[in-house]
């Protein structure tokens, strides 16, 4: 599921440079995440990079954008065609929050 930024966002901008897909941009009053570009950092980190740096916990899963780990990894592969990602069955826990225990 894509991540969204709630209205508690203080527009500090900490999240924007952390996104590996450039999915975050300044909106009218708060930062926003393009769900077409958000892959929940699968293939990059074991947590949502935006949520990890947000000082007010405004970056949360978007329940209207539910996607599987496989779909999110496929999105990363499509967005970064020059990068080699491990196959889903070989994806280490360090590259997907789905594999955290």
N, C-alpha and C. Protein backbone atom coordinates (compact mmCIF):
# COMPACT_ATOMS: atom_id res chain seq x y z
N UNK A 1 0.85 -1.17 0.00
CA UNK A 1 0.00 0.00 0.00
C UNK A 1 0.89 1.22 0.00
N UNK A 2 0.55 2.17 -0.75
CA UNK A 2 1.32 3.41 -0.78
C UNK A 2 1.23 4.11 0.58
N UNK A 3 2.14 4.98 0.79
CA UNK A 3 2.16 5.78 2.01
C UNK A 3 1.49 7.11 1.70
N UNK A 4 0.89 7.72 2.70
CA UNK A 4 0.29 9.04 2.54
C UNK A 4 0.77 9.93 3.67
N UNK A 5 0.65 11.21 3.47
CA UNK A 5 1.03 12.18 4.49
C UNK A 5 -0.25 12.82 5.00
N UNK A 6 -0.45 12.74 6.30
CA UNK A 6 -1.68 13.26 6.89
C UNK A 6 -1.58 14.77 7.13
N UNK A 7 -2.69 15.35 7.52
CA UNK A 7 -2.74 16.80 7.73
C UNK A 7 -2.02 17.27 8.99
N UNK A 8 -1.40 16.36 9.73
CA UNK A 8 -0.57 16.79 10.86
C UNK A 8 0.83 17.21 10.38
N UNK A 9 1.09 17.06 9.09
CA UNK A 9 2.36 17.45 8.49
C UNK A 9 2.66 18.92 8.80
N UNK A 10 3.89 19.18 9.21
CA UNK A 10 4.30 20.56 9.52
C UNK A 10 5.13 21.17 8.40
N UNK A 11 5.17 20.49 7.26
CA UNK A 11 5.90 20.96 6.07
C UNK A 11 7.37 21.24 6.34
N UNK A 12 7.99 20.38 7.13
CA UNK A 12 9.41 20.57 7.45
C UNK A 12 10.30 20.14 6.29
N UNK A 13 9.80 19.25 5.43
CA UNK A 13 10.57 18.80 4.28
C UNK A 13 11.56 17.68 4.55
N UNK A 14 11.58 17.14 5.75
CA UNK A 14 12.54 16.08 6.08
C UNK A 14 12.32 14.83 5.23
N UNK A 15 11.11 14.57 4.86
CA UNK A 15 10.77 13.36 4.13
C UNK A 15 11.19 13.38 2.66
N UNK A 16 11.10 14.51 2.03
CA UNK A 16 11.29 14.59 0.57
C UNK A 16 12.61 14.00 0.09
N UNK A 17 13.76 14.37 0.65
CA UNK A 17 15.01 13.81 0.14
C UNK A 17 15.23 12.34 0.49
N UNK A 18 14.45 11.80 1.39
CA UNK A 18 14.61 10.41 1.81
C UNK A 18 13.96 9.41 0.85
N UNK A 19 13.03 9.88 0.04
CA UNK A 19 12.29 8.99 -0.84
C UNK A 19 13.16 8.53 -2.02
N UNK A 20 13.36 7.21 -2.17
CA UNK A 20 14.18 6.72 -3.26
C UNK A 20 13.53 6.86 -4.64
N UNK A 21 12.25 7.19 -4.68
CA UNK A 21 11.51 7.28 -5.93
C UNK A 21 11.07 8.70 -6.28
N UNK A 22 11.47 9.67 -5.51
CA UNK A 22 11.05 11.06 -5.72
C UNK A 22 9.52 11.17 -5.76
N UNK A 23 8.86 10.40 -4.89
CA UNK A 23 7.40 10.39 -4.84
C UNK A 23 6.83 11.51 -3.99
N UNK A 24 7.68 12.19 -3.22
CA UNK A 24 7.20 13.21 -2.28
C UNK A 24 7.48 14.60 -2.83
N UNK A 25 6.47 15.45 -2.75
CA UNK A 25 6.62 16.83 -3.21
C UNK A 25 5.81 17.76 -2.30
N UNK A 26 6.12 19.04 -2.38
CA UNK A 26 5.40 20.03 -1.60
C UNK A 26 4.03 20.25 -2.24
N UNK A 27 2.99 20.07 -1.46
CA UNK A 27 1.64 20.35 -1.93
C UNK A 27 1.25 21.77 -1.58
N UNK A 28 -0.04 22.08 -1.64
CA UNK A 28 -0.50 23.43 -1.34
C UNK A 28 -0.20 23.83 0.10
N UNK A 29 -0.47 22.92 1.04
CA UNK A 29 -0.24 23.28 2.44
C UNK A 29 0.64 22.27 3.17
N UNK A 30 0.72 21.06 2.66
CA UNK A 30 1.56 20.02 3.26
C UNK A 30 2.25 19.24 2.14
N UNK A 31 3.21 18.42 2.52
CA UNK A 31 3.84 17.55 1.54
C UNK A 31 2.86 16.45 1.15
N UNK A 32 3.01 15.93 -0.07
CA UNK A 32 2.14 14.88 -0.58
C UNK A 32 2.99 13.78 -1.21
N UNK A 33 2.41 12.59 -1.28
CA UNK A 33 3.07 11.44 -1.88
C UNK A 33 2.27 10.98 -3.08
N UNK A 34 2.93 10.82 -4.21
CA UNK A 34 2.30 10.31 -5.42
C UNK A 34 2.24 8.78 -5.29
N UNK A 35 1.04 8.20 -5.15
CA UNK A 35 0.94 6.75 -4.96
C UNK A 35 1.47 5.94 -6.14
N UNK A 36 1.53 6.53 -7.32
CA UNK A 36 2.06 5.83 -8.48
C UNK A 36 3.57 5.65 -8.38
N UNK A 37 4.21 6.49 -7.56
CA UNK A 37 5.66 6.41 -7.40
C UNK A 37 6.09 5.78 -6.08
N UNK A 38 5.19 5.72 -5.13
CA UNK A 38 5.52 5.17 -3.80
C UNK A 38 5.49 3.64 -3.84
N UNK A 39 6.57 3.03 -3.42
CA UNK A 39 6.61 1.57 -3.30
C UNK A 39 6.96 1.14 -1.88
N UNK A 40 6.67 2.01 -0.93
CA UNK A 40 6.92 1.73 0.49
C UNK A 40 8.37 1.35 0.76
N UNK A 41 9.26 1.81 -0.09
CA UNK A 41 10.71 1.58 0.04
C UNK A 41 11.11 0.12 -0.10
N UNK A 42 10.21 -0.73 -0.60
CA UNK A 42 10.56 -2.14 -0.82
C UNK A 42 11.67 -2.19 -1.87
N UNK A 43 12.73 -2.92 -1.55
CA UNK A 43 13.90 -3.00 -2.42
C UNK A 43 14.98 -2.02 -2.03
N UNK A 44 14.65 -1.11 -1.11
CA UNK A 44 15.60 -0.08 -0.67
C UNK A 44 15.87 -0.12 0.83
N UNK A 45 14.82 -0.22 1.63
CA UNK A 45 14.95 -0.13 3.09
C UNK A 45 14.02 -1.12 3.78
N UNK A 46 14.27 -1.37 5.05
CA UNK A 46 13.39 -2.25 5.82
C UNK A 46 12.31 -1.48 6.57
N UNK A 47 12.18 -0.21 6.24
CA UNK A 47 11.13 0.63 6.83
C UNK A 47 10.80 1.74 5.85
N UNK A 48 9.72 2.43 6.10
CA UNK A 48 9.36 3.57 5.26
C UNK A 48 10.32 4.71 5.59
N UNK A 49 11.14 5.10 4.63
CA UNK A 49 12.16 6.12 4.89
C UNK A 49 11.53 7.44 5.31
N UNK A 50 10.41 7.80 4.70
CA UNK A 50 9.75 9.06 5.06
C UNK A 50 9.26 9.04 6.50
N UNK A 51 8.65 7.93 6.89
CA UNK A 51 8.13 7.80 8.25
C UNK A 51 9.25 7.81 9.28
N UNK A 52 10.39 7.24 8.91
CA UNK A 52 11.52 7.17 9.84
C UNK A 52 12.05 8.54 10.22
N UNK A 53 11.92 9.52 9.32
CA UNK A 53 12.47 10.86 9.60
C UNK A 53 11.40 11.88 9.96
N UNK A 54 10.14 11.53 9.84
CA UNK A 54 9.06 12.49 10.12
C UNK A 54 8.97 12.79 11.62
N UNK A 55 9.11 14.06 12.00
CA UNK A 55 9.08 14.38 13.43
C UNK A 55 7.68 14.36 14.04
N UNK A 56 6.64 14.31 13.22
CA UNK A 56 5.28 14.32 13.76
C UNK A 56 4.46 13.09 13.36
N UNK A 57 5.11 12.08 12.84
CA UNK A 57 4.44 10.83 12.44
C UNK A 57 3.30 11.05 11.45
N UNK A 58 3.55 11.90 10.46
CA UNK A 58 2.52 12.21 9.46
C UNK A 58 2.53 11.22 8.29
N UNK A 59 3.57 10.43 8.14
CA UNK A 59 3.67 9.47 7.03
C UNK A 59 3.13 8.12 7.50
N UNK A 60 2.00 7.73 6.94
CA UNK A 60 1.31 6.52 7.37
C UNK A 60 0.84 5.72 6.15
N UNK A 61 0.59 4.42 6.33
CA UNK A 61 0.05 3.63 5.22
C UNK A 61 -1.30 4.18 4.77
N UNK A 62 -1.51 4.17 3.47
CA UNK A 62 -2.77 4.64 2.89
C UNK A 62 -3.67 3.43 2.67
N UNK A 63 -4.72 3.28 3.45
CA UNK A 63 -5.58 2.10 3.33
C UNK A 63 -6.31 2.00 1.98
N UNK A 64 -6.35 3.07 1.23
CA UNK A 64 -7.01 3.02 -0.08
C UNK A 64 -6.04 2.60 -1.19
N UNK A 65 -4.78 2.36 -0.86
CA UNK A 65 -3.76 1.99 -1.85
C UNK A 65 -3.03 0.71 -1.44
N UNK A 66 -3.77 -0.36 -1.19
CA UNK A 66 -3.18 -1.61 -0.72
C UNK A 66 -2.47 -2.33 -1.87
N UNK A 67 -1.20 -2.69 -1.64
CA UNK A 67 -0.41 -3.43 -2.62
C UNK A 67 0.40 -4.50 -1.89
N UNK A 68 0.69 -5.58 -2.59
CA UNK A 68 1.48 -6.65 -2.01
C UNK A 68 2.97 -6.32 -2.12
N UNK A 69 3.77 -7.08 -1.41
CA UNK A 69 5.23 -6.91 -1.50
C UNK A 69 5.69 -7.13 -2.95
N UNK A 70 5.13 -8.12 -3.62
CA UNK A 70 5.49 -8.40 -5.00
C UNK A 70 5.15 -7.22 -5.91
N UNK A 71 3.99 -6.63 -5.73
CA UNK A 71 3.61 -5.47 -6.55
C UNK A 71 4.54 -4.29 -6.29
N UNK A 72 4.91 -4.09 -5.04
CA UNK A 72 5.77 -2.96 -4.69
C UNK A 72 7.19 -3.16 -5.23
N UNK A 73 7.69 -4.39 -5.20
CA UNK A 73 9.01 -4.67 -5.77
C UNK A 73 8.97 -4.49 -7.29
N UNK A 74 7.89 -4.93 -7.91
CA UNK A 74 7.74 -4.74 -9.36
C UNK A 74 7.71 -3.25 -9.70
N UNK A 75 7.07 -2.46 -8.87
CA UNK A 75 7.03 -1.01 -9.09
C UNK A 75 8.44 -0.42 -9.00
N UNK A 76 9.21 -0.86 -8.02
CA UNK A 76 10.59 -0.38 -7.88
C UNK A 76 11.41 -0.74 -9.11
N UNK A 77 11.24 -1.95 -9.60
CA UNK A 77 11.97 -2.41 -10.79
C UNK A 77 11.61 -1.55 -12.01
N UNK A 78 10.35 -1.23 -12.13
CA UNK A 78 9.89 -0.40 -13.25
C UNK A 78 10.41 1.04 -13.13
N UNK A 79 10.40 1.57 -11.91
CA UNK A 79 10.84 2.95 -11.69
C UNK A 79 12.36 3.12 -11.80
N UNK A 80 13.10 2.02 -11.57
CA UNK A 80 14.56 2.06 -11.59
C UNK A 80 15.09 0.95 -12.50
N UNK A 81 14.89 1.09 -13.82
CA UNK A 81 15.28 0.01 -14.74
C UNK A 81 16.79 -0.27 -14.78
N UNK A 82 17.60 0.67 -14.36
CA UNK A 82 19.04 0.47 -14.38
C UNK A 82 19.58 -0.17 -13.10
N UNK A 83 18.71 -0.43 -12.16
CA UNK A 83 19.14 -1.00 -10.87
C UNK A 83 18.74 -2.47 -10.81
N UNK A 84 19.61 -3.28 -10.25
CA UNK A 84 19.33 -4.70 -10.06
C UNK A 84 18.73 -4.92 -8.68
N UNK A 85 17.55 -5.48 -8.62
CA UNK A 85 16.89 -5.81 -7.36
C UNK A 85 16.90 -7.33 -7.21
N UNK A 86 17.02 -7.83 -5.99
CA UNK A 86 16.91 -9.27 -5.80
C UNK A 86 15.51 -9.75 -6.18
N UNK A 87 15.43 -11.02 -6.56
CA UNK A 87 14.12 -11.61 -6.82
C UNK A 87 13.33 -11.62 -5.52
N UNK A 88 12.02 -11.64 -5.63
CA UNK A 88 11.16 -11.59 -4.46
C UNK A 88 11.51 -12.69 -3.45
N UNK A 89 11.73 -13.89 -3.93
CA UNK A 89 12.02 -14.99 -3.00
C UNK A 89 13.40 -14.88 -2.35
N UNK A 90 14.26 -14.01 -2.88
CA UNK A 90 15.59 -13.81 -2.31
C UNK A 90 15.75 -12.43 -1.65
N UNK A 91 14.68 -11.68 -1.59
CA UNK A 91 14.74 -10.33 -1.02
C UNK A 91 15.07 -10.39 0.47
N UNK A 92 16.18 -9.79 0.88
CA UNK A 92 16.55 -9.85 2.30
C UNK A 92 15.66 -8.94 3.16
N UNK A 93 15.61 -9.25 4.43
CA UNK A 93 14.79 -8.47 5.37
C UNK A 93 15.23 -7.01 5.42
N UNK A 94 16.48 -6.74 5.14
CA UNK A 94 16.97 -5.36 5.17
C UNK A 94 16.40 -4.51 4.03
N UNK A 95 15.71 -5.14 3.08
CA UNK A 95 15.18 -4.40 1.94
C UNK A 95 13.66 -4.42 1.85
N UNK A 96 12.98 -4.87 2.91
CA UNK A 96 11.53 -4.89 2.87
C UNK A 96 10.94 -4.95 4.27
N UNK A 97 10.06 -4.02 4.57
CA UNK A 97 9.39 -4.04 5.88
C UNK A 97 8.45 -5.22 6.03
N UNK A 98 8.08 -5.86 4.93
CA UNK A 98 7.23 -7.04 4.98
C UNK A 98 7.94 -8.20 5.67
N UNK A 99 9.27 -8.17 5.67
CA UNK A 99 10.06 -9.28 6.22
C UNK A 99 10.57 -9.02 7.62
N UNK A 100 10.20 -7.90 8.19
CA UNK A 100 10.60 -7.61 9.57
C UNK A 100 9.82 -8.52 10.51
N UNK A 101 10.50 -8.94 11.53
CA UNK A 101 9.84 -9.82 12.51
C UNK A 101 9.39 -9.02 13.69
